[in-house]
Amino acid sequence: MKTHIYKNVGNCAIHLDVFSVESSMPTPVIVWIHGGALIFGTRAWVQPVQRQLIQEAGYAQVSIDYRLAPETKLPEILADVRDALRWLVQNASTLHIDAR
């Protein structure tokens, strides 16, 4: 697993974790977005069994954080998710993932 900062908002760094798969080809990726009703939660909530099943199926996994409500309103939370996806596409070759 490798943690990356995909976005900075003021003094808040927003992270994502990439769980890679050994492969000679770029691997497809599953993006996991935690629950918590937008008011609590973390990218670390993904269960080990989920991660194992995803990797055994040949997929890389990315778990993202986003800013939480009520301090952050819904449009900004959605922007965080879009920015995480955009970051993955922009960094796909470095991450060795197929982000198409």
Protein backbone atom coordinates (compact mmCIF):
# COMPACT_ATOMS: atom_id res chain seq x y z
CA MET A 1 0.00 0.00 0.00
CA LYS A 2 1.17 3.49 -0.79
CA THR A 3 -0.47 6.69 0.46
CA HIS A 4 -0.62 9.78 -1.73
CA ILE A 5 -1.88 13.32 -1.28
CA TYR A 6 -4.24 13.96 -4.18
CA LYS A 7 -5.38 17.43 -3.15
CA ASN A 8 -4.57 20.28 -0.79
CA VAL A 9 -7.25 22.68 0.39
CA GLY A 10 -5.75 25.40 2.55
CA ASN A 11 -3.75 23.52 5.18
CA CYS A 12 -5.77 20.31 4.69
CA ALA A 13 -4.03 17.52 2.74
CA ILE A 14 -6.48 14.95 1.37
CA HIS A 15 -5.13 11.42 0.93
CA LEU A 16 -5.77 8.22 -0.94
CA ASP A 17 -4.26 4.75 -0.56
CA VAL A 18 -3.25 2.64 -3.55
CA PHE A 19 -3.12 -1.13 -3.16
CA SER A 20 -1.29 -2.41 -6.23
CA VAL A 21 -1.31 -5.83 -7.85
CA GLU A 22 1.77 -7.57 -9.26
CA SER A 23 1.33 -7.48 -13.02
CA SER A 24 3.31 -6.81 -16.16
CA MET A 25 0.33 -4.89 -17.58
CA PRO A 26 -1.51 -1.91 -16.08
CA THR A 27 -4.27 -3.35 -13.89
CA PRO A 28 -7.90 -2.24 -13.71
CA VAL A 29 -8.73 -0.38 -10.55
CA ILE A 30 -11.63 -0.32 -8.11
CA VAL A 31 -12.11 2.95 -6.24
CA TRP A 32 -13.49 2.48 -2.74
CA ILE A 33 -15.28 5.46 -1.19
CA HIS A 34 -16.05 5.04 2.50
CA GLY A 35 -19.49 5.47 3.97
CA GLY A 36 -20.37 7.44 7.07
CA ALA A 37 -23.20 9.65 5.81
CA LEU A 38 -20.59 12.23 4.72
CA ILE A 39 -20.04 13.23 8.36
CA PHE A 40 -17.52 10.61 9.50
CA GLY A 41 -15.36 7.86 8.09
CA THR A 42 -11.94 7.28 6.61
CA ARG A 43 -10.24 5.53 3.71
CA ALA A 44 -8.87 3.05 6.28
CA TRP A 45 -12.34 1.53 6.79
CA VAL A 46 -11.92 -0.87 3.89
CA GLN A 47 -11.92 -4.37 5.32
CA PRO A 48 -8.92 -6.67 4.76
CA VAL A 49 -11.18 -9.36 3.26
CA GLN A 50 -12.48 -6.85 0.70
CA ARG A 51 -8.95 -5.88 -0.21
CA GLN A 52 -7.94 -9.53 -0.52
CA LEU A 53 -10.87 -10.43 -2.78
CA ILE A 54 -10.23 -7.40 -5.00
CA GLN A 55 -6.54 -8.22 -5.35
CA GLU A 56 -7.20 -11.93 -5.96
CA ALA A 57 -9.50 -10.90 -8.81
CA GLY A 58 -6.60 -8.98 -10.37
CA TYR A 59 -7.69 -5.45 -9.55
CA ALA A 60 -5.76 -2.65 -7.90
CA GLN A 61 -7.72 -0.83 -5.20
CA VAL A 62 -7.76 2.82 -4.33
CA SER A 63 -9.38 4.04 -1.10
CA ILE A 64 -10.01 7.76 -0.92
CA ASP A 65 -10.65 10.29 1.79
CA TYR A 66 -12.73 13.41 1.28
CA ARG A 67 -13.52 16.38 3.48
CA LEU A 68 -16.44 15.74 5.81
CA ALA A 69 -19.69 17.58 6.57
CA PRO A 70 -20.90 19.70 8.22
CA GLU A 71 -17.69 21.74 7.91
CA THR A 72 -17.63 20.96 4.18
CA LYS A 73 -20.75 21.29 2.07
CA LEU A 74 -21.88 18.71 -0.48
CA PRO A 75 -20.57 20.50 -3.62
CA GLU A 76 -17.05 20.57 -2.13
CA ILE A 77 -17.28 16.91 -1.05
CA LEU A 78 -18.29 15.95 -4.59
CA ALA A 79 -15.41 18.06 -5.92
CA ASP A 80 -13.03 16.08 -3.69
CA VAL A 81 -14.26 12.79 -5.15
CA ARG A 82 -14.01 14.12 -8.73
CA ASP A 83 -10.50 15.44 -8.00
CA ALA A 84 -9.44 12.03 -6.65
CA LEU A 85 -10.66 10.36 -9.86
CA ARG A 86 -8.96 13.01 -11.99
CA TRP A 87 -5.71 12.51 -10.03
CA LEU A 88 -5.89 8.75 -10.66
CA VAL A 89 -6.30 9.26 -14.40
CA GLN A 90 -3.43 11.76 -14.51
CA ASN A 91 -1.15 9.41 -12.55
CA ALA A 92 -2.29 6.10 -14.03
CA SER A 93 0.98 5.26 -15.75
CA THR A 94 3.04 5.96 -12.62
CA LEU A 95 0.61 3.91 -10.51
CA HIS A 96 0.59 1.11 -13.12
CA ILE A 97 -3.21 1.13 -13.30
CA ASP A 98 -5.65 1.14 -16.20
CA ALA A 99 -7.83 4.13 -15.40
CA ARG A 100 -9.86 4.10 -18.62
